[in-house]
């Protein structure tokens, strides 16, 4: 009888530890084993541990989407090839760091938009959605006489550097005077 109760307690602690660990982006199998072996102490350890951020994995040279699906495009992770020196620079770069070639604001914006479209198509997005979003985005670009801090305050960066509503980076919004449509 006592053995049955102890076995039930060990299994219950293992299952609960695994569930708690899974909710905190930890290995549920490993924490389940700890819950089984150490019982209530393993469950308490799983409860007090901190949550970790989910890891992004490389998939054939491209970044996979986050589990939440919120990340569609991050210009900081994309590069372009300088036509003068053939070196790679960030896609938002206005001046090549290798040869000093300058890119116009319109050229940079066009390159970023083209890359964004290609990433959406690669991720299974349709051209129709991308086109309607692009038309909506054109209305949100403000002239240079607007206050930068006011424009940035329309975004919800939440410490990750990407607006949760429009998926643009802080640098892109600042450089292009982009007002978030979700504000």
Protein backbone atom coordinates (compact mmCIF):
# COMPACT_ATOMS: atom_id res chain seq x y z
CA UNK A 1 0.00 0.00 0.00
CA UNK A 2 2.76 2.47 0.96
CA UNK A 3 4.70 1.56 -2.18
CA UNK A 4 1.64 2.28 -4.32
CA UNK A 5 1.17 5.71 -2.72
CA UNK A 6 4.86 6.59 -3.17
CA UNK A 7 4.78 5.45 -6.80
CA UNK A 8 1.62 7.51 -7.45
CA UNK A 9 3.26 10.56 -5.81
CA UNK A 10 6.43 10.12 -7.92
CA UNK A 11 4.44 9.84 -11.16
CA UNK A 12 2.26 12.84 -10.27
CA UNK A 13 5.33 14.97 -9.43
CA UNK A 14 7.00 13.84 -12.68
CA UNK A 15 3.99 14.80 -14.81
CA UNK A 16 3.47 18.14 -13.03
CA UNK A 17 7.19 19.00 -13.21
CA UNK A 18 7.19 18.23 -16.93
CA UNK A 19 4.14 20.43 -17.54
CA UNK A 20 5.58 23.34 -15.56
CA UNK A 21 8.94 23.02 -17.34
CA UNK A 22 7.26 22.92 -20.74
CA UNK A 23 5.34 26.11 -19.95
CA UNK A 24 8.65 27.79 -19.09
CA UNK A 25 10.33 26.67 -22.36
CA UNK A 26 12.45 24.07 -20.57
CA UNK A 27 12.99 20.39 -21.34
CA UNK A 28 9.86 18.64 -20.02
CA UNK A 29 11.39 15.14 -20.15
CA UNK A 30 14.43 16.11 -18.07
CA UNK A 31 12.34 17.95 -15.49
CA UNK A 32 9.87 15.04 -15.46
CA UNK A 33 12.71 12.69 -14.51
CA UNK A 34 13.78 15.09 -11.75
CA UNK A 35 10.18 15.26 -10.51
CA UNK A 36 9.99 11.45 -10.49
CA UNK A 37 13.30 10.99 -8.65
CA UNK A 38 13.02 13.85 -6.16
CA UNK A 39 9.23 14.08 -5.83
CA UNK A 40 7.96 17.27 -4.26
CA UNK A 41 11.45 18.84 -4.28
CA UNK A 42 11.68 18.39 -8.06
CA UNK A 43 8.25 19.97 -8.50
CA UNK A 44 9.19 22.94 -6.30
CA UNK A 45 12.43 23.41 -8.29
CA UNK A 46 10.43 23.41 -11.53
CA UNK A 47 8.02 25.98 -10.09
CA UNK A 48 10.72 28.43 -8.95
CA UNK A 49 12.94 28.26 -12.03
CA UNK A 50 12.84 31.22 -14.43
CA UNK A 51 11.32 31.10 -17.88
CA UNK A 52 13.77 31.10 -20.80
CA UNK A 53 13.29 32.67 -24.23
CA UNK A 54 12.62 30.19 -27.03
CA UNK A 55 15.68 29.57 -29.20
CA UNK A 56 15.48 30.32 -32.93
CA UNK A 57 17.00 27.60 -35.11
CA UNK A 58 18.70 27.93 -38.51
CA UNK A 59 16.75 26.14 -41.22
CA UNK A 60 18.69 25.79 -44.51
CA UNK A 61 20.26 29.25 -44.22
CA UNK A 62 17.04 31.07 -43.31
CA UNK A 63 15.72 31.92 -39.87
CA UNK A 64 12.61 30.00 -38.92
CA UNK A 65 9.62 31.95 -37.64
CA UNK A 66 9.12 32.28 -33.91
CA UNK A 67 6.63 29.89 -32.41
CA UNK A 68 4.19 32.78 -31.93
CA UNK A 69 4.44 33.67 -35.64
CA UNK A 70 5.02 37.33 -34.75
CA UNK A 71 8.35 37.68 -36.53
CA UNK A 72 7.98 38.01 -40.27
CA UNK A 73 10.92 40.18 -41.25
CA UNK A 74 13.91 41.70 -39.44
CA UNK A 75 16.06 43.95 -41.67
CA UNK A 76 18.99 43.59 -39.26
CA UNK A 77 19.33 39.92 -40.28
CA UNK A 78 19.53 40.61 -44.02
CA UNK A 79 22.41 41.85 -46.15
CA UNK A 80 22.90 43.27 -49.63
CA UNK A 81 25.89 43.16 -51.92
CA UNK A 82 27.52 46.52 -52.70
CA UNK A 83 27.57 46.95 -56.50
CA UNK A 84 30.93 48.80 -56.38
CA UNK A 85 33.10 46.61 -54.14
CA UNK A 86 31.02 43.39 -54.02
CA UNK A 87 31.20 43.25 -50.22
CA UNK A 88 28.14 42.43 -48.11
CA UNK A 89 26.60 45.12 -45.89
CA UNK A 90 23.37 45.40 -43.91
CA UNK A 91 20.34 45.93 -46.09
CA UNK A 92 19.46 49.21 -44.32
CA UNK A 93 22.97 50.65 -44.77
CA UNK A 94 23.05 54.05 -46.44
CA UNK A 95 26.87 54.00 -46.91
CA UNK A 96 29.05 50.98 -47.70
CA UNK A 97 31.51 50.48 -44.85
CA UNK A 98 34.08 49.03 -47.25
CA UNK A 99 34.23 51.47 -50.16
CA UNK A 100 32.08 54.42 -49.06
CA UNK A 101 29.46 54.13 -51.82
CA UNK A 102 26.31 56.01 -50.82
CA UNK A 103 22.81 54.67 -51.34
CA UNK A 104 19.83 57.03 -51.63
CA UNK A 105 16.98 56.79 -49.13
CA UNK A 106 14.65 55.66 -51.91
CA UNK A 107 17.06 52.94 -53.03
CA UNK A 108 17.44 51.60 -49.48
CA UNK A 109 13.67 51.64 -48.91
CA UNK A 110 13.10 49.82 -52.20
CA UNK A 111 15.72 47.16 -51.33
CA UNK A 112 14.21 46.59 -47.88
CA UNK A 113 10.71 46.32 -49.33
CA UNK A 114 11.87 43.87 -52.02
CA UNK A 115 13.60 41.70 -49.42
CA UNK A 116 10.55 41.85 -47.16
CA UNK A 117 8.35 40.65 -50.04
CA UNK A 118 10.71 37.80 -50.87
CA UNK A 119 10.84 36.70 -47.23
CA UNK A 120 7.04 36.72 -46.99
CA UNK A 121 6.74 34.68 -50.17
CA UNK A 122 9.39 32.24 -48.85
CA UNK A 123 7.42 31.88 -45.61
CA UNK A 124 4.26 31.04 -47.50
CA UNK A 125 2.72 34.51 -47.51
CA UNK A 126 0.68 35.50 -50.52
CA UNK A 127 1.43 38.41 -52.82
CA UNK A 128 -2.07 39.78 -52.21
CA UNK A 129 -1.46 40.25 -48.51
CA UNK A 130 1.95 41.77 -49.12
CA UNK A 131 0.60 44.20 -51.70
CA UNK A 132 -2.23 45.44 -49.50
CA UNK A 133 0.16 45.87 -46.60
CA UNK A 134 2.54 47.85 -48.80
CA UNK A 135 -0.27 50.22 -49.83
CA UNK A 136 -1.22 50.66 -46.17
CA UNK A 137 2.44 51.27 -45.24
CA UNK A 138 2.85 54.11 -47.77
CA UNK A 139 0.33 56.15 -45.77
CA UNK A 140 2.40 55.71 -42.59
CA UNK A 141 5.65 57.28 -43.82
CA UNK A 142 5.96 60.84 -42.53
CA UNK A 143 8.16 63.65 -43.80
CA UNK A 144 11.42 64.55 -42.07
CA UNK A 145 9.82 67.48 -40.19
CA UNK A 146 8.08 65.09 -37.74
CA UNK A 147 9.56 64.48 -34.28
CA UNK A 148 11.50 61.18 -34.16
CA UNK A 149 10.54 60.43 -30.54
CA UNK A 150 6.87 60.98 -31.37
CA UNK A 151 7.15 58.54 -34.29
CA UNK A 152 8.96 55.92 -32.18
CA UNK A 153 6.32 56.24 -29.43
CA UNK A 154 3.70 54.87 -31.84
CA UNK A 155 5.50 51.49 -31.87
CA UNK A 156 5.41 48.74 -29.24
CA UNK A 157 9.00 47.44 -29.23
CA UNK A 158 8.69 45.64 -25.85
CA UNK A 159 12.46 45.34 -25.46
CA UNK A 160 12.95 43.01 -28.44
CA UNK A 161 13.71 45.71 -31.00
CA UNK A 162 10.84 44.70 -33.30
CA UNK A 163 7.42 46.35 -33.10
CA UNK A 164 4.81 43.75 -32.20
CA UNK A 165 2.19 45.43 -34.39
CA UNK A 166 4.04 46.24 -37.62
CA UNK A 167 7.16 43.96 -37.39
CA UNK A 168 9.56 46.83 -38.18
CA UNK A 169 12.79 47.44 -36.26
CA UNK A 170 13.46 50.57 -34.23
CA UNK A 171 16.21 51.56 -36.68
CA UNK A 172 13.93 51.21 -39.69
CA UNK A 173 11.10 53.22 -38.08
CA UNK A 174 13.51 55.96 -37.04
CA UNK A 175 15.37 56.15 -40.37
CA UNK A 176 12.20 56.17 -42.47
CA UNK A 177 9.90 58.16 -40.14
CA UNK A 178 7.48 55.23 -40.11
CA UNK A 179 4.39 55.60 -37.88
CA UNK A 180 2.95 52.28 -36.68
CA UNK A 181 -0.54 51.62 -38.08
CA UNK A 182 -1.42 49.65 -34.92
CA UNK A 183 -1.19 52.74 -32.71
